[in-house]
Amino acid sequence: MTDTAKLRRHVELFDTMANTLEIDLEEQVRQGQLTFDRIERAVHRCTTCSNPDGCETWLAQQLMPAQHPPQMCQNANLFAGLRRDD
């Protein structure tokens, strides 16, 4: 997988995880709870995941909204914090 393809995959996984958790990333940025730099770091952290296939499977099996990300999620703490801020 090329670096560009890997990055695209993880951007999609990160965005899908946020949507599954009913976290509106754009709204979080507008409210000052999240910066684009922090999103960039989170996507980079996502690329370090050793189990993106497991993440895709988990996402596909969730009913909306999921209450929390899977334990394997590299950004579980970020998502939990954003949910608390809602």
N, C-alpha and C. Protein backbone atom coordinates (compact mmCIF):
# COMPACT_ATOMS: atom_id res chain seq x y z
N MET A 1 0.86 -1.17 0.00
CA MET A 1 0.00 0.00 0.00
C MET A 1 0.91 1.23 0.00
N THR A 2 0.62 2.17 -0.90
CA THR A 2 1.43 3.38 -0.95
C THR A 2 1.15 4.25 0.27
N ASP A 3 2.06 5.16 0.54
CA ASP A 3 1.86 6.07 1.67
C ASP A 3 0.59 6.88 1.49
N THR A 4 0.31 7.32 0.26
CA THR A 4 -0.91 8.10 -0.01
C THR A 4 -2.15 7.25 0.23
N ALA A 5 -2.13 6.02 -0.23
CA ALA A 5 -3.28 5.13 -0.03
C ALA A 5 -3.48 4.84 1.46
N LYS A 6 -2.39 4.64 2.18
CA LYS A 6 -2.48 4.37 3.62
C LYS A 6 -3.05 5.59 4.33
N LEU A 7 -2.58 6.77 3.98
CA LEU A 7 -3.08 7.98 4.61
C LEU A 7 -4.56 8.16 4.32
N ARG A 8 -4.97 7.96 3.08
CA ARG A 8 -6.39 8.09 2.74
C ARG A 8 -7.24 7.11 3.53
N ARG A 9 -6.75 5.89 3.65
CA ARG A 9 -7.50 4.87 4.40
C ARG A 9 -7.70 5.31 5.85
N HIS A 10 -6.67 5.85 6.45
CA HIS A 10 -6.76 6.22 7.86
C HIS A 10 -7.54 7.52 8.06
N VAL A 11 -7.49 8.41 7.10
CA VAL A 11 -8.35 9.59 7.17
C VAL A 11 -9.81 9.13 7.16
N GLU A 12 -10.11 8.19 6.29
CA GLU A 12 -11.48 7.65 6.21
C GLU A 12 -11.86 6.93 7.50
N LEU A 13 -10.96 6.12 8.05
CA LEU A 13 -11.25 5.43 9.31
C LEU A 13 -11.49 6.42 10.44
N PHE A 14 -10.65 7.45 10.52
CA PHE A 14 -10.80 8.46 11.57
C PHE A 14 -12.13 9.18 11.44
N ASP A 15 -12.48 9.58 10.23
CA ASP A 15 -13.74 10.29 10.00
C ASP A 15 -14.94 9.38 10.28
N THR A 16 -14.86 8.14 9.84
CA THR A 16 -15.96 7.20 10.08
C THR A 16 -16.12 6.92 11.57
N MET A 17 -15.00 6.81 12.29
CA MET A 17 -15.07 6.60 13.74
C MET A 17 -15.78 7.78 14.39
N ALA A 18 -15.40 8.99 14.01
CA ALA A 18 -16.04 10.18 14.58
C ALA A 18 -17.54 10.17 14.28
N ASN A 19 -17.90 9.87 13.05
CA ASN A 19 -19.33 9.82 12.69
C ASN A 19 -20.06 8.74 13.47
N THR A 20 -19.44 7.59 13.63
CA THR A 20 -20.06 6.49 14.36
C THR A 20 -20.29 6.86 15.82
N LEU A 21 -19.41 7.69 16.35
CA LEU A 21 -19.54 8.15 17.74
C LEU A 21 -20.37 9.43 17.84
N GLU A 22 -20.92 9.86 16.70
CA GLU A 22 -21.69 11.10 16.59
C GLU A 22 -20.89 12.31 17.08
N ILE A 23 -19.65 12.37 16.65
CA ILE A 23 -18.80 13.53 16.91
C ILE A 23 -18.69 14.30 15.60
N ASP A 24 -19.16 15.53 15.61
CA ASP A 24 -19.10 16.38 14.44
C ASP A 24 -17.77 17.14 14.49
N LEU A 25 -16.80 16.67 13.72
CA LEU A 25 -15.47 17.25 13.76
C LEU A 25 -15.48 18.72 13.37
N GLU A 26 -16.25 19.08 12.34
CA GLU A 26 -16.32 20.47 11.92
C GLU A 26 -16.88 21.36 13.02
N GLU A 27 -17.90 20.88 13.70
CA GLU A 27 -18.49 21.65 14.80
C GLU A 27 -17.50 21.78 15.96
N GLN A 28 -16.77 20.72 16.22
CA GLN A 28 -15.76 20.76 17.28
C GLN A 28 -14.69 21.82 16.97
N VAL A 29 -14.32 21.94 15.69
CA VAL A 29 -13.35 22.96 15.29
C VAL A 29 -13.96 24.34 15.46
N ARG A 30 -15.20 24.51 15.00
CA ARG A 30 -15.87 25.82 15.13
C ARG A 30 -15.98 26.25 16.58
N GLN A 31 -16.22 25.31 17.47
CA GLN A 31 -16.37 25.63 18.89
C GLN A 31 -15.03 25.77 19.61
N GLY A 32 -13.95 25.53 18.90
CA GLY A 32 -12.63 25.66 19.50
C GLY A 32 -12.20 24.47 20.35
N GLN A 33 -12.95 23.37 20.27
CA GLN A 33 -12.61 22.17 21.04
C GLN A 33 -11.53 21.33 20.35
N LEU A 34 -11.31 21.61 19.06
CA LEU A 34 -10.41 20.80 18.24
C LEU A 34 -9.77 21.73 17.22
N THR A 35 -8.49 21.50 16.93
CA THR A 35 -7.80 22.27 15.90
C THR A 35 -7.46 21.35 14.73
N PHE A 36 -7.19 21.95 13.58
CA PHE A 36 -6.80 21.14 12.43
C PHE A 36 -5.47 20.44 12.70
N ASP A 37 -4.59 21.08 13.45
CA ASP A 37 -3.32 20.47 13.80
C ASP A 37 -3.54 19.23 14.67
N ARG A 38 -4.48 19.31 15.58
CA ARG A 38 -4.79 18.16 16.45
C ARG A 38 -5.41 17.02 15.63
N ILE A 39 -6.24 17.36 14.64
CA ILE A 39 -6.80 16.34 13.75
C ILE A 39 -5.69 15.68 12.96
N GLU A 40 -4.76 16.48 12.46
CA GLU A 40 -3.64 15.94 11.70
C GLU A 40 -2.83 14.96 12.54
N ARG A 41 -2.56 15.33 13.79
CA ARG A 41 -1.82 14.43 14.69
C ARG A 41 -2.62 13.16 14.97
N ALA A 42 -3.92 13.30 15.11
CA ALA A 42 -4.77 12.13 15.38
C ALA A 42 -4.78 11.18 14.19
N VAL A 43 -4.86 11.72 12.98
CA VAL A 43 -4.83 10.86 11.79
C VAL A 43 -3.46 10.18 11.70
N HIS A 44 -2.40 10.91 12.00
CA HIS A 44 -1.07 10.28 12.00
C HIS A 44 -1.03 9.15 13.02
N ARG A 45 -1.59 9.38 14.21
CA ARG A 45 -1.64 8.34 15.25
C ARG A 45 -2.42 7.13 14.72
N CYS A 46 -3.49 7.40 14.00
CA CYS A 46 -4.30 6.32 13.41
C CYS A 46 -3.46 5.47 12.46
N THR A 47 -2.55 6.10 11.72
CA THR A 47 -1.72 5.33 10.77
C THR A 47 -0.79 4.36 11.48
N THR A 48 -0.59 4.53 12.79
CA THR A 48 0.27 3.61 13.54
C THR A 48 -0.49 2.37 14.03
N CYS A 49 -1.78 2.32 13.77
CA CYS A 49 -2.60 1.20 14.21
C CYS A 49 -2.13 -0.10 13.55
N SER A 50 -2.03 -1.14 14.33
CA SER A 50 -1.61 -2.44 13.80
C SER A 50 -2.78 -3.28 13.31
N ASN A 51 -4.01 -2.76 13.46
CA ASN A 51 -5.18 -3.57 13.10
C ASN A 51 -6.26 -2.73 12.39
N PRO A 52 -5.94 -2.06 11.29
CA PRO A 52 -6.97 -1.27 10.61
C PRO A 52 -8.10 -2.14 10.06
N ASP A 53 -7.81 -3.39 9.69
CA ASP A 53 -8.89 -4.28 9.23
C ASP A 53 -9.88 -4.54 10.35
N GLY A 54 -9.37 -4.73 11.57
CA GLY A 54 -10.24 -4.92 12.73
C GLY A 54 -11.08 -3.69 13.00
N CYS A 55 -10.49 -2.53 12.80
CA CYS A 55 -11.23 -1.28 12.97
C CYS A 55 -12.38 -1.19 11.97
N GLU A 56 -12.08 -1.51 10.71
CA GLU A 56 -13.13 -1.48 9.68
C GLU A 56 -14.25 -2.46 10.03
N THR A 57 -13.89 -3.63 10.51
CA THR A 57 -14.90 -4.62 10.90
C THR A 57 -15.73 -4.09 12.06
N TRP A 58 -15.07 -3.52 13.07
CA TRP A 58 -15.78 -2.97 14.22
C TRP A 58 -16.75 -1.88 13.76
N LEU A 59 -16.29 -0.99 12.93
CA LEU A 59 -17.14 0.11 12.44
C LEU A 59 -18.36 -0.43 11.70
N ALA A 60 -18.15 -1.45 10.89
CA ALA A 60 -19.25 -2.01 10.10
C ALA A 60 -20.30 -2.68 10.98
N GLN A 61 -19.93 -3.11 12.17
CA GLN A 61 -20.84 -3.84 13.05
C GLN A 61 -21.58 -2.95 14.04
N GLN A 62 -21.25 -1.66 14.08
CA GLN A 62 -21.83 -0.78 15.10
C GLN A 62 -23.20 -0.26 14.72
N LEU A 63 -24.03 -0.17 15.73
CA LEU A 63 -25.29 0.54 15.59
C LEU A 63 -24.99 1.99 15.93
N MET A 64 -25.68 2.90 15.29
CA MET A 64 -25.41 4.32 15.53
C MET A 64 -26.26 4.81 16.68
N PRO A 65 -25.76 5.62 17.54
CA PRO A 65 -24.33 5.91 17.69
C PRO A 65 -23.67 4.90 18.61
N ALA A 66 -22.41 4.66 18.35
CA ALA A 66 -21.63 3.84 19.27
C ALA A 66 -21.33 4.70 20.50
N GLN A 67 -21.23 4.09 21.63
CA GLN A 67 -20.98 4.82 22.88
C GLN A 67 -19.51 5.13 23.10
N HIS A 68 -18.64 4.30 22.54
CA HIS A 68 -17.20 4.49 22.71
C HIS A 68 -16.47 3.75 21.60
N PRO A 69 -15.26 4.17 21.29
CA PRO A 69 -14.48 3.46 20.27
C PRO A 69 -13.96 2.15 20.83
N PRO A 70 -13.48 1.27 19.97
CA PRO A 70 -12.90 0.02 20.47
C PRO A 70 -11.61 0.31 21.25
N GLN A 71 -11.26 -0.59 22.13
CA GLN A 71 -10.05 -0.41 22.95
C GLN A 71 -8.80 -0.28 22.09
N MET A 72 -8.81 -0.91 20.92
CA MET A 72 -7.63 -0.87 20.06
C MET A 72 -7.42 0.49 19.40
N CYS A 73 -8.40 1.37 19.47
CA CYS A 73 -8.33 2.66 18.79
C CYS A 73 -7.21 3.53 19.35
N GLN A 74 -6.35 3.97 18.47
CA GLN A 74 -5.22 4.82 18.86
C GLN A 74 -5.69 6.20 19.34
N ASN A 75 -6.92 6.57 19.01
CA ASN A 75 -7.47 7.88 19.38
C ASN A 75 -8.63 7.78 20.36
N ALA A 76 -8.71 6.68 21.09
CA ALA A 76 -9.82 6.48 22.03
C ALA A 76 -9.92 7.62 23.03
N ASN A 77 -8.80 8.07 23.56
CA ASN A 77 -8.83 9.16 24.54
C ASN A 77 -9.33 10.46 23.92
N LEU A 78 -8.88 10.75 22.72
CA LEU A 78 -9.34 11.96 22.03
C LEU A 78 -10.85 11.90 21.83
N PHE A 79 -11.35 10.80 21.29
CA PHE A 79 -12.78 10.68 21.05
C PHE A 79 -13.58 10.75 22.35
N ALA A 80 -13.09 10.11 23.40
CA ALA A 80 -13.78 10.16 24.69
C ALA A 80 -13.85 11.60 25.20
N GLY A 81 -12.77 12.33 25.06
CA GLY A 81 -12.77 13.72 25.50
C GLY A 81 -13.72 14.59 24.70
N LEU A 82 -13.80 14.36 23.41
CA LEU A 82 -14.71 15.14 22.57
C LEU A 82 -16.16 14.82 22.90
N ARG A 83 -16.45 13.59 23.23
CA ARG A 83 -17.82 13.22 23.62
C ARG A 83 -18.20 13.87 24.94
N ARG A 84 -17.27 13.98 25.88
CA ARG A 84 -17.55 14.62 27.15
C ARG A 84 -17.83 16.11 26.97
N ASP A 85 -17.19 16.72 25.96
CA ASP A 85 -17.35 18.15 25.72
C ASP A 85 -18.67 18.49 25.06
N ASP A 86 -19.38 17.49 24.53
CA ASP A 86 -20.68 17.76 23.87
C ASP A 86 -21.71 18.26 24.85
